[in-house]
Amino acid sequence: MPVLGRRCVALASHKRGYLSDFWTSVRPGLLFRGVEVAQRARAFAAEAYSTEEELDHPAEVAALVRNAGGDAGLEAAAILHDLVEDTNVELSQIASEFGSHVAGLVAAMTEDESIADYAERKEEHRGRACHAGREAGLLFVADKLSNAQRMRRGQKEPDARKLAHYARTLATMRAAYADLPLLDELEAELTRARGEGLPASAPVPPLDERV
């Protein structure tokens, strides 16, 4: 297993011991509102986006994490996860509205646009999401699963480079969090995508490739 995989596994083991205390301490404002947090997140995102259609993907990601056992805070982060990349919303606004925990998850989902090279940018992003913890890993996988499904449904332009990134995401997160929900679903979706044919710009690596 490469160094990144070992580090993620070690961090995952270390985090389990204190995650519940950390979770409670960083988001006390979310606990008494429960599911209302996700509803507020949807209203916040709807105001930031230009069209209702732009909410389709975030809403699908939110449903995936909710059905995988994620709580209202993770669901809210799923709804908000593309805002910093796609709108003028800043992380400080998300932290002010939803707390530091949700903002941290959104930060883990936000690409570093200062990295010009596509492959390097995606590699950095996978590693950062992995290091951010199990919840961020689940959200990252749910995002890739939704995008892969949308490609097959004709709602998103098929892109072999992105599908290769999704396959590497699968390998990275499986190495760190072997029992993470949605990994099997992402693997199955990528297998279907390969069976249906991909654009010729780049191959999808083997699903067991540890990168």
N, C-alpha and C. Protein backbone atom coordinates (compact mmCIF):
# COMPACT_ATOMS: atom_id res chain seq x y z
N MET A 1 0.85 -1.19 0.00
CA MET A 1 0.00 0.00 0.00
C MET A 1 0.89 1.24 0.00
N PRO A 2 0.63 2.24 -0.88
CA PRO A 2 1.46 3.42 -0.92
C PRO A 2 1.33 4.25 0.35
N VAL A 3 2.21 5.26 0.48
CA VAL A 3 2.25 6.06 1.70
C VAL A 3 0.92 6.74 1.97
N LEU A 4 0.28 7.30 0.92
CA LEU A 4 -0.98 8.00 1.12
C LEU A 4 -2.02 7.06 1.71
N GLY A 5 -2.11 5.84 1.19
CA GLY A 5 -3.07 4.88 1.70
C GLY A 5 -2.81 4.55 3.15
N ARG A 6 -1.51 4.33 3.51
CA ARG A 6 -1.18 4.00 4.90
C ARG A 6 -1.52 5.16 5.83
N ARG A 7 -1.24 6.38 5.38
CA ARG A 7 -1.55 7.53 6.22
C ARG A 7 -3.05 7.67 6.44
N CYS A 8 -3.83 7.45 5.38
CA CYS A 8 -5.28 7.55 5.53
C CYS A 8 -5.79 6.48 6.48
N VAL A 9 -5.27 5.24 6.36
CA VAL A 9 -5.69 4.17 7.26
C VAL A 9 -5.35 4.52 8.70
N ALA A 10 -4.14 5.04 8.92
CA ALA A 10 -3.73 5.40 10.27
C ALA A 10 -4.60 6.52 10.83
N LEU A 11 -4.87 7.52 9.99
CA LEU A 11 -5.72 8.61 10.44
C LEU A 11 -7.13 8.14 10.74
N ALA A 12 -7.64 7.23 9.91
CA ALA A 12 -8.98 6.71 10.13
C ALA A 12 -9.06 6.00 11.47
N SER A 13 -8.04 5.21 11.81
CA SER A 13 -8.03 4.49 13.08
C SER A 13 -7.94 5.47 14.24
N HIS A 14 -7.10 6.50 14.09
CA HIS A 14 -6.92 7.47 15.16
C HIS A 14 -8.19 8.27 15.40
N LYS A 15 -8.88 8.63 14.30
CA LYS A 15 -10.07 9.47 14.42
C LYS A 15 -11.21 8.77 15.14
N ARG A 16 -11.29 7.43 15.02
CA ARG A 16 -12.44 6.73 15.60
C ARG A 16 -12.54 6.97 17.11
N GLY A 17 -11.37 7.13 17.77
CA GLY A 17 -11.38 7.25 19.21
C GLY A 17 -12.00 8.53 19.72
N TYR A 18 -11.83 9.63 18.96
CA TYR A 18 -12.32 10.90 19.47
C TYR A 18 -13.39 11.54 18.59
N LEU A 19 -13.83 10.86 17.55
CA LEU A 19 -14.73 11.49 16.58
C LEU A 19 -16.04 11.92 17.22
N SER A 20 -16.60 11.09 18.12
CA SER A 20 -17.89 11.44 18.70
C SER A 20 -17.78 12.69 19.55
N ASP A 21 -16.70 12.83 20.35
CA ASP A 21 -16.52 14.04 21.16
C ASP A 21 -16.30 15.26 20.28
N PHE A 22 -15.46 15.08 19.25
CA PHE A 22 -15.18 16.18 18.33
C PHE A 22 -16.46 16.64 17.63
N TRP A 23 -17.24 15.65 17.17
CA TRP A 23 -18.49 15.94 16.44
C TRP A 23 -19.43 16.76 17.31
N THR A 24 -19.57 16.38 18.58
CA THR A 24 -20.47 17.09 19.47
C THR A 24 -19.97 18.50 19.76
N SER A 25 -18.67 18.66 19.91
CA SER A 25 -18.12 19.95 20.31
C SER A 25 -18.17 20.98 19.21
N VAL A 26 -18.03 20.56 17.94
CA VAL A 26 -17.93 21.55 16.87
C VAL A 26 -19.27 21.94 16.26
N ARG A 27 -20.34 21.24 16.59
CA ARG A 27 -21.61 21.61 15.95
C ARG A 27 -22.78 21.58 16.92
N PRO A 28 -22.66 22.17 18.10
CA PRO A 28 -23.78 22.14 19.04
C PRO A 28 -25.02 22.81 18.48
N GLY A 29 -24.84 23.83 17.61
CA GLY A 29 -26.00 24.51 17.06
C GLY A 29 -26.84 23.67 16.15
N LEU A 30 -26.26 22.56 15.62
CA LEU A 30 -27.02 21.71 14.70
C LEU A 30 -27.88 20.71 15.44
N LEU A 31 -27.51 20.37 16.67
CA LEU A 31 -28.16 19.23 17.32
C LEU A 31 -29.62 19.49 17.63
N PHE A 32 -29.97 20.72 18.01
CA PHE A 32 -31.34 20.97 18.43
C PHE A 32 -32.27 21.26 17.27
N ARG A 33 -31.73 21.43 16.10
CA ARG A 33 -32.56 21.70 14.93
C ARG A 33 -32.76 20.47 14.05
N GLY A 34 -31.87 19.50 14.15
CA GLY A 34 -32.01 18.26 13.40
C GLY A 34 -32.17 18.47 11.91
N VAL A 35 -33.25 17.90 11.37
CA VAL A 35 -33.44 17.90 9.92
C VAL A 35 -33.65 19.30 9.37
N GLU A 36 -34.00 20.27 10.22
CA GLU A 36 -34.19 21.63 9.74
C GLU A 36 -32.90 22.19 9.12
N VAL A 37 -31.77 21.68 9.58
CA VAL A 37 -30.49 22.15 9.04
C VAL A 37 -30.41 21.87 7.54
N ALA A 38 -30.80 20.68 7.14
CA ALA A 38 -30.78 20.32 5.73
C ALA A 38 -31.77 21.19 4.95
N GLN A 39 -32.90 21.48 5.55
CA GLN A 39 -33.88 22.32 4.87
C GLN A 39 -33.35 23.74 4.70
N ARG A 40 -32.67 24.25 5.72
CA ARG A 40 -32.08 25.58 5.60
C ARG A 40 -30.97 25.59 4.56
N ALA A 41 -30.22 24.49 4.51
CA ALA A 41 -29.15 24.40 3.51
C ALA A 41 -29.71 24.45 2.10
N ARG A 42 -30.82 23.77 1.90
CA ARG A 42 -31.42 23.78 0.56
C ARG A 42 -31.89 25.19 0.18
N ALA A 43 -32.49 25.90 1.13
CA ALA A 43 -32.93 27.26 0.85
C ALA A 43 -31.74 28.18 0.58
N PHE A 44 -30.68 27.99 1.34
CA PHE A 44 -29.46 28.78 1.16
C PHE A 44 -28.86 28.52 -0.22
N ALA A 45 -28.79 27.25 -0.61
CA ALA A 45 -28.23 26.90 -1.92
C ALA A 45 -29.11 27.41 -3.05
N ALA A 46 -30.42 27.30 -2.89
CA ALA A 46 -31.35 27.76 -3.93
C ALA A 46 -31.18 29.25 -4.19
N GLU A 47 -30.91 29.99 -3.14
CA GLU A 47 -30.70 31.44 -3.30
C GLU A 47 -29.39 31.73 -4.01
N ALA A 48 -28.38 30.87 -3.79
CA ALA A 48 -27.06 31.10 -4.39
C ALA A 48 -27.01 30.70 -5.85
N TYR A 49 -27.73 29.64 -6.21
CA TYR A 49 -27.70 29.16 -7.59
C TYR A 49 -28.60 30.00 -8.47
N SER A 50 -28.34 29.94 -9.77
CA SER A 50 -29.12 30.73 -10.73
C SER A 50 -30.43 30.04 -11.09
N THR A 51 -30.42 28.70 -11.11
CA THR A 51 -31.61 27.95 -11.52
C THR A 51 -31.87 26.80 -10.55
N GLU A 52 -33.11 26.35 -10.53
CA GLU A 52 -33.49 25.21 -9.70
C GLU A 52 -32.78 23.93 -10.15
N GLU A 53 -32.50 23.83 -11.44
CA GLU A 53 -31.84 22.64 -11.97
C GLU A 53 -30.45 22.43 -11.37
N GLU A 54 -29.81 23.52 -10.99
CA GLU A 54 -28.47 23.39 -10.40
C GLU A 54 -28.51 22.68 -9.05
N LEU A 55 -29.68 22.59 -8.46
CA LEU A 55 -29.83 21.88 -7.19
C LEU A 55 -29.99 20.38 -7.37
N ASP A 56 -30.21 19.91 -8.60
CA ASP A 56 -30.49 18.49 -8.81
C ASP A 56 -29.37 17.60 -8.31
N HIS A 57 -28.14 17.92 -8.72
CA HIS A 57 -27.00 17.09 -8.30
C HIS A 57 -26.77 17.16 -6.78
N PRO A 58 -26.68 18.36 -6.17
CA PRO A 58 -26.51 18.40 -4.73
C PRO A 58 -27.62 17.68 -3.97
N ALA A 59 -28.86 17.79 -4.44
CA ALA A 59 -29.96 17.10 -3.79
C ALA A 59 -29.81 15.59 -3.89
N GLU A 60 -29.32 15.10 -5.02
CA GLU A 60 -29.09 13.67 -5.18
C GLU A 60 -27.98 13.20 -4.25
N VAL A 61 -26.90 13.98 -4.14
CA VAL A 61 -25.82 13.62 -3.22
C VAL A 61 -26.34 13.60 -1.78
N ALA A 62 -27.17 14.57 -1.43
CA ALA A 62 -27.73 14.62 -0.08
C ALA A 62 -28.58 13.38 0.20
N ALA A 63 -29.37 12.95 -0.78
CA ALA A 63 -30.18 11.75 -0.60
C ALA A 63 -29.30 10.52 -0.42
N LEU A 64 -28.22 10.45 -1.16
CA LEU A 64 -27.31 9.31 -1.06
C LEU A 64 -26.70 9.22 0.34
N VAL A 65 -26.21 10.34 0.88
CA VAL A 65 -25.59 10.29 2.21
C VAL A 65 -26.63 10.06 3.29
N ARG A 66 -27.82 10.61 3.12
CA ARG A 66 -28.89 10.37 4.10
C ARG A 66 -29.26 8.89 4.13
N ASN A 67 -29.44 8.29 2.97
CA ASN A 67 -29.80 6.87 2.90
C ASN A 67 -28.66 5.97 3.35
N ALA A 68 -27.43 6.49 3.34
CA ALA A 68 -26.27 5.73 3.81
C ALA A 68 -26.05 5.90 5.31
N GLY A 69 -26.92 6.63 5.98
CA GLY A 69 -26.82 6.79 7.43
C GLY A 69 -26.28 8.11 7.89
N GLY A 70 -26.01 9.03 6.97
CA GLY A 70 -25.50 10.34 7.38
C GLY A 70 -26.56 11.15 8.10
N ASP A 71 -26.11 12.01 9.01
CA ASP A 71 -27.06 12.83 9.76
C ASP A 71 -27.37 14.13 9.03
N ALA A 72 -28.14 15.00 9.69
CA ALA A 72 -28.58 16.23 9.04
C ALA A 72 -27.43 17.16 8.70
N GLY A 73 -26.38 17.16 9.53
CA GLY A 73 -25.23 18.00 9.23
C GLY A 73 -24.52 17.56 7.96
N LEU A 74 -24.35 16.26 7.80
CA LEU A 74 -23.71 15.74 6.59
C LEU A 74 -24.61 15.97 5.37
N GLU A 75 -25.90 15.83 5.57
CA GLU A 75 -26.84 16.10 4.47
C GLU A 75 -26.76 17.56 4.05
N ALA A 76 -26.67 18.46 5.03
CA ALA A 76 -26.53 19.88 4.71
C ALA A 76 -25.25 20.14 3.93
N ALA A 77 -24.15 19.53 4.36
CA ALA A 77 -22.89 19.70 3.64
C ALA A 77 -22.99 19.18 2.21
N ALA A 78 -23.74 18.10 2.02
CA ALA A 78 -23.93 17.56 0.67
C ALA A 78 -24.66 18.56 -0.21
N ILE A 79 -25.66 19.21 0.32
CA ILE A 79 -26.40 20.20 -0.46
C ILE A 79 -25.53 21.40 -0.80
N LEU A 80 -24.63 21.73 0.09
CA LEU A 80 -23.80 22.93 -0.06
C LEU A 80 -22.46 22.66 -0.73
N HIS A 81 -22.15 21.40 -1.06
CA HIS A 81 -20.77 21.02 -1.34
C HIS A 81 -20.15 21.69 -2.57
N ASP A 82 -20.95 22.13 -3.53
CA ASP A 82 -20.40 22.76 -4.74
C ASP A 82 -20.48 24.28 -4.73
N LEU A 83 -21.02 24.86 -3.66
CA LEU A 83 -21.29 26.30 -3.69
C LEU A 83 -20.02 27.14 -3.83
N VAL A 84 -18.96 26.78 -3.13
CA VAL A 84 -17.76 27.60 -3.18
C VAL A 84 -17.14 27.55 -4.58
N GLU A 85 -17.20 26.38 -5.22
CA GLU A 85 -16.66 26.25 -6.58
C GLU A 85 -17.55 26.92 -7.63
N ASP A 86 -18.86 26.86 -7.45
CA ASP A 86 -19.77 27.23 -8.53
C ASP A 86 -20.46 28.58 -8.36
N THR A 87 -20.37 29.19 -7.18
CA THR A 87 -21.05 30.47 -6.94
C THR A 87 -20.10 31.42 -6.23
N ASN A 88 -20.62 32.56 -5.82
CA ASN A 88 -19.82 33.54 -5.09
C ASN A 88 -19.83 33.31 -3.59
N VAL A 89 -20.48 32.27 -3.13
CA VAL A 89 -20.52 31.97 -1.69
C VAL A 89 -19.12 31.60 -1.20
N GLU A 90 -18.76 32.10 -0.03
CA GLU A 90 -17.46 31.80 0.56
C GLU A 90 -17.63 30.89 1.77
N LEU A 91 -16.55 30.19 2.11
CA LEU A 91 -16.60 29.26 3.24
C LEU A 91 -16.98 29.97 4.53
N SER A 92 -16.55 31.21 4.69
CA SER A 92 -16.87 31.96 5.91
C SER A 92 -18.38 32.14 6.06
N GLN A 93 -19.10 32.31 4.95
CA GLN A 93 -20.55 32.44 5.01
C GLN A 93 -21.19 31.12 5.44
N ILE A 94 -20.69 30.02 4.90
CA ILE A 94 -21.21 28.71 5.27
C ILE A 94 -20.96 28.44 6.74
N ALA A 95 -19.76 28.79 7.23
CA ALA A 95 -19.45 28.60 8.65
C ALA A 95 -20.37 29.43 9.52
N SER A 96 -20.65 30.66 9.10
CA SER A 96 -21.52 31.54 9.87
C SER A 96 -22.94 31.01 9.93
N GLU A 97 -23.42 30.44 8.83
CA GLU A 97 -24.80 29.97 8.75
C GLU A 97 -24.99 28.58 9.35
N PHE A 98 -23.97 27.70 9.17
CA PHE A 98 -24.17 26.27 9.49
C PHE A 98 -23.13 25.69 10.44
N GLY A 99 -22.15 26.47 10.84
CA GLY A 99 -21.17 25.99 11.79
C GLY A 99 -19.89 25.49 11.14
N SER A 100 -18.86 25.35 11.97
CA SER A 100 -17.54 25.00 11.46
C SER A 100 -17.46 23.58 10.93
N HIS A 101 -18.26 22.67 11.47
CA HIS A 101 -18.19 21.29 11.01
C HIS A 101 -18.69 21.17 9.56
N VAL A 102 -19.84 21.74 9.30
CA VAL A 102 -20.38 21.72 7.93
C VAL A 102 -19.43 22.45 6.99
N ALA A 103 -18.92 23.59 7.42
CA ALA A 103 -17.99 24.34 6.58
C ALA A 103 -16.73 23.54 6.30
N GLY A 104 -16.27 22.78 7.28
CA GLY A 104 -15.10 21.95 7.07
C GLY A 104 -15.33 20.86 6.04
N LEU A 105 -16.52 20.28 6.05
CA LEU A 105 -16.86 19.27 5.05
C LEU A 105 -16.92 19.89 3.65
N VAL A 106 -17.51 21.07 3.56
CA VAL A 106 -17.57 21.76 2.26
C VAL A 106 -16.16 22.11 1.80
N ALA A 107 -15.30 22.52 2.71
CA ALA A 107 -13.91 22.82 2.35
C ALA A 107 -13.22 21.58 1.78
N ALA A 108 -13.49 20.43 2.38
CA ALA A 108 -12.89 19.19 1.89
C ALA A 108 -13.40 18.82 0.50
N MET A 109 -14.58 19.31 0.14
CA MET A 109 -15.17 19.02 -1.17
C MET A 109 -14.79 20.06 -2.23
N THR A 110 -14.03 21.07 -1.84
CA THR A 110 -13.72 22.17 -2.75
C THR A 110 -12.33 22.01 -3.33
N GLU A 111 -12.22 21.99 -4.65
CA GLU A 111 -10.93 21.82 -5.31
C GLU A 111 -10.03 23.04 -5.11
N ASP A 112 -8.73 22.78 -5.13
CA ASP A 112 -7.74 23.84 -5.07
C ASP A 112 -7.45 24.29 -6.49
N GLU A 113 -8.10 25.36 -6.90
CA GLU A 113 -7.98 25.83 -8.28
C GLU A 113 -6.61 26.43 -8.57
N SER A 114 -5.78 26.61 -7.55
CA SER A 114 -4.44 27.12 -7.80
C SER A 114 -3.54 26.05 -8.43
N ILE A 115 -3.96 24.79 -8.39
CA ILE A 115 -3.20 23.70 -9.02
C ILE A 115 -3.67 23.58 -10.46
N ALA A 116 -2.85 24.00 -11.39
CA ALA A 116 -3.28 24.10 -12.79
C ALA A 116 -3.43 22.73 -13.46
N ASP A 117 -2.53 21.82 -13.18
CA ASP A 117 -2.56 20.51 -13.85
C ASP A 117 -3.75 19.69 -13.35
N TYR A 118 -4.55 19.16 -14.28
CA TYR A 118 -5.77 18.44 -13.92
C TYR A 118 -5.47 17.24 -13.03
N ALA A 119 -4.55 16.39 -13.44
CA ALA A 119 -4.26 15.17 -12.68
C ALA A 119 -3.73 15.50 -11.29
N GLU A 120 -2.85 16.49 -11.21
CA GLU A 120 -2.30 16.87 -9.91
C GLU A 120 -3.38 17.46 -9.00
N ARG A 121 -4.27 18.26 -9.59
CA ARG A 121 -5.35 18.85 -8.80
C ARG A 121 -6.28 17.79 -8.24
N LYS A 122 -6.62 16.81 -9.07
CA LYS A 122 -7.51 15.75 -8.61
C LYS A 122 -6.84 14.86 -7.57
N GLU A 123 -5.54 14.60 -7.76
CA GLU A 123 -4.82 13.78 -6.79
C GLU A 123 -4.77 14.47 -5.43
N GLU A 124 -4.48 15.76 -5.44
CA GLU A 124 -4.46 16.52 -4.19
C GLU A 124 -5.82 16.49 -3.52
N HIS A 125 -6.86 16.62 -4.33
CA HIS A 125 -8.21 16.67 -3.77
C HIS A 125 -8.60 15.32 -3.16
N ARG A 126 -8.29 14.24 -3.83
CA ARG A 126 -8.58 12.91 -3.26
C ARG A 126 -7.87 12.72 -1.92
N GLY A 127 -6.59 13.08 -1.89
CA GLY A 127 -5.84 12.91 -0.66
C GLY A 127 -6.37 13.78 0.47
N ARG A 128 -6.74 15.00 0.17
CA ARG A 128 -7.26 15.91 1.19
C ARG A 128 -8.60 15.44 1.72
N ALA A 129 -9.47 14.97 0.84
CA ALA A 129 -10.77 14.45 1.28
C ALA A 129 -10.59 13.22 2.15
N CYS A 130 -9.64 12.38 1.78
CA CYS A 130 -9.35 11.18 2.56
C CYS A 130 -8.86 11.56 3.96
N HIS A 131 -7.94 12.50 4.03
CA HIS A 131 -7.39 12.93 5.32
C HIS A 131 -8.44 13.64 6.17
N ALA A 132 -9.47 14.19 5.56
CA ALA A 132 -10.49 14.94 6.31
C ALA A 132 -11.38 14.05 7.15
N GLY A 133 -11.34 12.74 6.94
CA GLY A 133 -12.10 11.83 7.79
C GLY A 133 -13.18 11.05 7.06
N ARG A 134 -13.81 10.17 7.80
CA ARG A 134 -14.76 9.23 7.24
C ARG A 134 -15.99 9.92 6.64
N GLU A 135 -16.50 10.92 7.33
CA GLU A 135 -17.67 11.64 6.80
C GLU A 135 -17.34 12.32 5.48
N ALA A 136 -16.20 12.99 5.44
CA ALA A 136 -15.79 13.63 4.19
C ALA A 136 -15.60 12.58 3.10
N GLY A 137 -15.06 11.41 3.48
CA GLY A 137 -14.89 10.33 2.51
C GLY A 137 -16.22 9.87 1.95
N LEU A 138 -17.22 9.71 2.82
CA LEU A 138 -18.54 9.30 2.37
C LEU A 138 -19.14 10.34 1.43
N LEU A 139 -19.01 11.60 1.79
CA LEU A 139 -19.54 12.67 0.95
C LEU A 139 -18.83 12.71 -0.40
N PHE A 140 -17.52 12.52 -0.40
CA PHE A 140 -16.74 12.52 -1.63
C PHE A 140 -17.18 11.38 -2.54
N VAL A 141 -17.37 10.20 -1.97
CA VAL A 141 -17.81 9.04 -2.75
C VAL A 141 -19.21 9.26 -3.30
N ALA A 142 -20.11 9.80 -2.46
CA ALA A 142 -21.48 10.06 -2.91
C ALA A 142 -21.50 11.03 -4.09
N ASP A 143 -20.65 12.04 -4.04
CA ASP A 143 -20.55 13.00 -5.14
C ASP A 143 -20.14 12.32 -6.43
N LYS A 144 -19.13 11.44 -6.36
CA LYS A 144 -18.68 10.74 -7.56
C LYS A 144 -19.72 9.76 -8.07
N LEU A 145 -20.42 9.09 -7.15
CA LEU A 145 -21.48 8.16 -7.54
C LEU A 145 -22.58 8.90 -8.28
N SER A 146 -23.01 10.02 -7.74
CA SER A 146 -24.06 10.80 -8.39
C SER A 146 -23.62 11.26 -9.78
N ASN A 147 -22.39 11.76 -9.89
CA ASN A 147 -21.92 12.23 -11.19
C ASN A 147 -21.81 11.10 -12.21
N ALA A 148 -21.34 9.93 -11.76
CA ALA A 148 -21.25 8.79 -12.67
C ALA A 148 -22.64 8.37 -13.13
N GLN A 149 -23.60 8.36 -12.22
CA GLN A 149 -24.97 8.01 -12.59
C GLN A 149 -25.55 9.03 -13.56
N ARG A 150 -25.27 10.30 -13.33
CA ARG A 150 -25.78 11.34 -14.21
C ARG A 150 -25.19 11.23 -15.60
N MET A 151 -23.94 10.81 -15.70
CA MET A 151 -23.35 10.58 -17.03
C MET A 151 -24.10 9.48 -17.76
N ARG A 152 -24.38 8.39 -17.06
CA ARG A 152 -25.08 7.27 -17.72
C ARG A 152 -26.52 7.63 -18.07
N ARG A 153 -27.13 8.52 -17.31
CA ARG A 153 -28.51 8.94 -17.58
C ARG A 153 -28.58 10.04 -18.64
N GLY A 154 -27.43 10.52 -19.10
CA GLY A 154 -27.42 11.58 -20.09
C GLY A 154 -27.64 12.96 -19.52
N GLN A 155 -27.48 13.12 -18.19
CA GLN A 155 -27.66 14.42 -17.55
C GLN A 155 -26.34 15.16 -17.38
N LYS A 156 -25.24 14.50 -17.67
CA LYS A 156 -23.91 15.10 -17.55
C LYS A 156 -23.06 14.55 -18.68
N GLU A 157 -22.24 15.42 -19.26
CA GLU A 157 -21.41 15.01 -20.38
C GLU A 157 -20.42 13.93 -19.95
N PRO A 158 -20.40 12.77 -20.63
CA PRO A 158 -19.42 11.74 -20.27
C PRO A 158 -18.00 12.26 -20.44
N ASP A 159 -17.17 11.93 -19.48
CA ASP A 159 -15.79 12.43 -19.48
C ASP A 159 -14.90 11.34 -18.91
N ALA A 160 -14.04 10.78 -19.74
CA ALA A 160 -13.20 9.66 -19.30
C ALA A 160 -12.22 10.08 -18.22
N ARG A 161 -11.72 11.31 -18.28
CA ARG A 161 -10.79 11.76 -17.24
C ARG A 161 -11.49 11.80 -15.88
N LYS A 162 -12.73 12.26 -15.87
CA LYS A 162 -13.47 12.30 -14.61
C LYS A 162 -13.78 10.89 -14.12
N LEU A 163 -14.15 10.01 -15.02
CA LEU A 163 -14.42 8.63 -14.62
C LEU A 163 -13.16 7.96 -14.07
N ALA A 164 -12.01 8.28 -14.64
CA ALA A 164 -10.76 7.76 -14.10
C ALA A 164 -10.52 8.31 -12.70
N HIS A 165 -10.83 9.57 -12.49
CA HIS A 165 -10.73 10.18 -11.16
C HIS A 165 -11.68 9.48 -10.18
N TYR A 166 -12.88 9.14 -10.65
CA TYR A 166 -13.83 8.45 -9.77
C TYR A 166 -13.29 7.06 -9.39
N ALA A 167 -12.67 6.38 -10.35
CA ALA A 167 -12.11 5.06 -10.06
C ALA A 167 -10.97 5.16 -9.05
N ARG A 168 -10.15 6.18 -9.18
CA ARG A 168 -9.06 6.37 -8.23
C ARG A 168 -9.61 6.78 -6.86
N THR A 169 -10.70 7.54 -6.87
CA THR A 169 -11.38 7.86 -5.61
C THR A 169 -11.82 6.58 -4.91
N LEU A 170 -12.42 5.67 -5.67
CA LEU A 170 -12.86 4.39 -5.11
C LEU A 170 -11.70 3.66 -4.46
N ALA A 171 -10.56 3.60 -5.15
CA ALA A 171 -9.40 2.88 -4.62
C ALA A 171 -8.86 3.55 -3.37
N THR A 172 -8.76 4.88 -3.39
CA THR A 172 -8.22 5.61 -2.25
C THR A 172 -9.09 5.45 -1.02
N MET A 173 -10.40 5.62 -1.18
CA MET A 173 -11.30 5.54 -0.03
C MET A 173 -11.45 4.12 0.48
N ARG A 174 -11.40 3.15 -0.41
CA ARG A 174 -11.49 1.75 0.03
C ARG A 174 -10.25 1.36 0.83
N ALA A 175 -9.09 1.89 0.45
CA ALA A 175 -7.87 1.60 1.20
C ALA A 175 -7.93 2.18 2.60
N ALA A 176 -8.59 3.33 2.75
CA ALA A 176 -8.65 4.01 4.04
C ALA A 176 -9.83 3.57 4.89
N TYR A 177 -10.98 3.36 4.25
CA TYR A 177 -12.23 3.06 4.95
C TYR A 177 -12.93 1.90 4.25
N ALA A 178 -12.48 0.69 4.53
CA ALA A 178 -12.91 -0.47 3.74
C ALA A 178 -14.41 -0.70 3.81
N ASP A 179 -15.05 -0.32 4.93
CA ASP A 179 -16.48 -0.57 5.09
C ASP A 179 -17.33 0.67 4.84
N LEU A 180 -16.76 1.66 4.18
CA LEU A 180 -17.49 2.90 3.92
C LEU A 180 -18.70 2.63 3.03
N PRO A 181 -19.88 3.13 3.40
CA PRO A 181 -21.05 2.96 2.54
C PRO A 181 -20.82 3.58 1.16
N LEU A 182 -21.49 3.03 0.18
CA LEU A 182 -21.53 3.51 -1.21
C LEU A 182 -20.32 3.12 -2.05
N LEU A 183 -19.30 2.49 -1.44
CA LEU A 183 -18.16 2.06 -2.25
C LEU A 183 -18.57 1.00 -3.27
N ASP A 184 -19.36 0.03 -2.83
CA ASP A 184 -19.80 -1.02 -3.75
C ASP A 184 -20.67 -0.44 -4.86
N GLU A 185 -21.51 0.53 -4.50
CA GLU A 185 -22.38 1.16 -5.49
C GLU A 185 -21.56 1.93 -6.52
N LEU A 186 -20.52 2.63 -6.06
CA LEU A 186 -19.67 3.35 -7.01
C LEU A 186 -18.93 2.38 -7.91
N GLU A 187 -18.42 1.29 -7.35
CA GLU A 187 -17.73 0.30 -8.18
C GLU A 187 -18.67 -0.26 -9.24
N ALA A 188 -19.90 -0.58 -8.84
CA ALA A 188 -20.86 -1.13 -9.80
C ALA A 188 -21.19 -0.13 -10.89
N GLU A 189 -21.32 1.14 -10.52
CA GLU A 189 -21.64 2.17 -11.51
C GLU A 189 -20.49 2.35 -12.50
N LEU A 190 -19.26 2.31 -12.01
CA LEU A 190 -18.11 2.45 -12.91
C LEU A 190 -17.99 1.23 -13.83
N THR A 191 -18.32 0.07 -13.30
CA THR A 191 -18.29 -1.14 -14.14
C THR A 191 -19.32 -1.03 -15.25
N ARG A 192 -20.52 -0.54 -14.92
CA ARG A 192 -21.56 -0.35 -15.94
C ARG A 192 -21.11 0.68 -16.98
N ALA A 193 -20.48 1.75 -16.50
CA ALA A 193 -20.03 2.79 -17.43
C ALA A 193 -18.98 2.24 -18.39
N ARG A 194 -18.07 1.44 -17.88
CA ARG A 194 -17.07 0.83 -18.76
C ARG A 194 -17.71 -0.12 -19.76
N GLY A 195 -18.73 -0.85 -19.31
CA GLY A 195 -19.40 -1.78 -20.20
C GLY A 195 -20.16 -1.09 -21.31
N GLU A 196 -20.62 0.13 -21.04
CA GLU A 196 -21.38 0.87 -22.04
C GLU A 196 -20.49 1.71 -22.95
N GLY A 197 -19.18 1.73 -22.66
CA GLY A 197 -18.24 2.47 -23.52
C GLY A 197 -18.00 3.86 -23.00
N LEU A 198 -16.73 4.30 -23.07
CA LEU A 198 -16.32 5.60 -22.56
C LEU A 198 -15.74 6.44 -23.68
N PRO A 199 -15.68 7.76 -23.49
CA PRO A 199 -14.93 8.58 -24.44
C PRO A 199 -13.49 8.11 -24.50
N ALA A 200 -12.84 8.37 -25.60
CA ALA A 200 -11.51 7.82 -25.82
C ALA A 200 -10.38 8.64 -25.22
N SER A 201 -10.71 9.71 -24.47
CA SER A 201 -9.65 10.60 -24.01
C SER A 201 -8.75 9.98 -22.96
N ALA A 202 -9.23 9.04 -22.18
CA ALA A 202 -8.39 8.43 -21.15
C ALA A 202 -9.05 7.15 -20.67
N PRO A 203 -8.26 6.14 -20.34
CA PRO A 203 -8.83 4.89 -19.82
C PRO A 203 -9.15 4.99 -18.35
N VAL A 204 -10.12 4.21 -17.91
CA VAL A 204 -10.39 4.07 -16.48
C VAL A 204 -9.45 3.01 -15.93
N PRO A 205 -8.68 3.31 -14.86
CA PRO A 205 -7.75 2.32 -14.33
C PRO A 205 -8.47 1.19 -13.66
N PRO A 206 -7.80 0.07 -13.40
CA PRO A 206 -8.42 -1.03 -12.67
C PRO A 206 -8.95 -0.55 -11.33
N LEU A 207 -10.08 -1.11 -10.89
CA LEU A 207 -10.72 -0.64 -9.68
C LEU A 207 -9.92 -0.95 -8.43
N ASP A 208 -8.97 -1.89 -8.50
CA ASP A 208 -8.17 -2.20 -7.33
C ASP A 208 -6.83 -1.45 -7.32
N GLU A 209 -6.64 -0.52 -8.25
CA GLU A 209 -5.40 0.25 -8.31
C GLU A 209 -5.35 1.21 -7.13
N ARG A 210 -4.28 1.15 -6.35
CA ARG A 210 -4.17 1.95 -5.13
C ARG A 210 -3.42 3.24 -5.43
N VAL A 211 -4.18 4.28 -5.76
CA VAL A 211 -3.57 5.59 -6.02
C VAL A 211 -4.28 6.65 -5.22
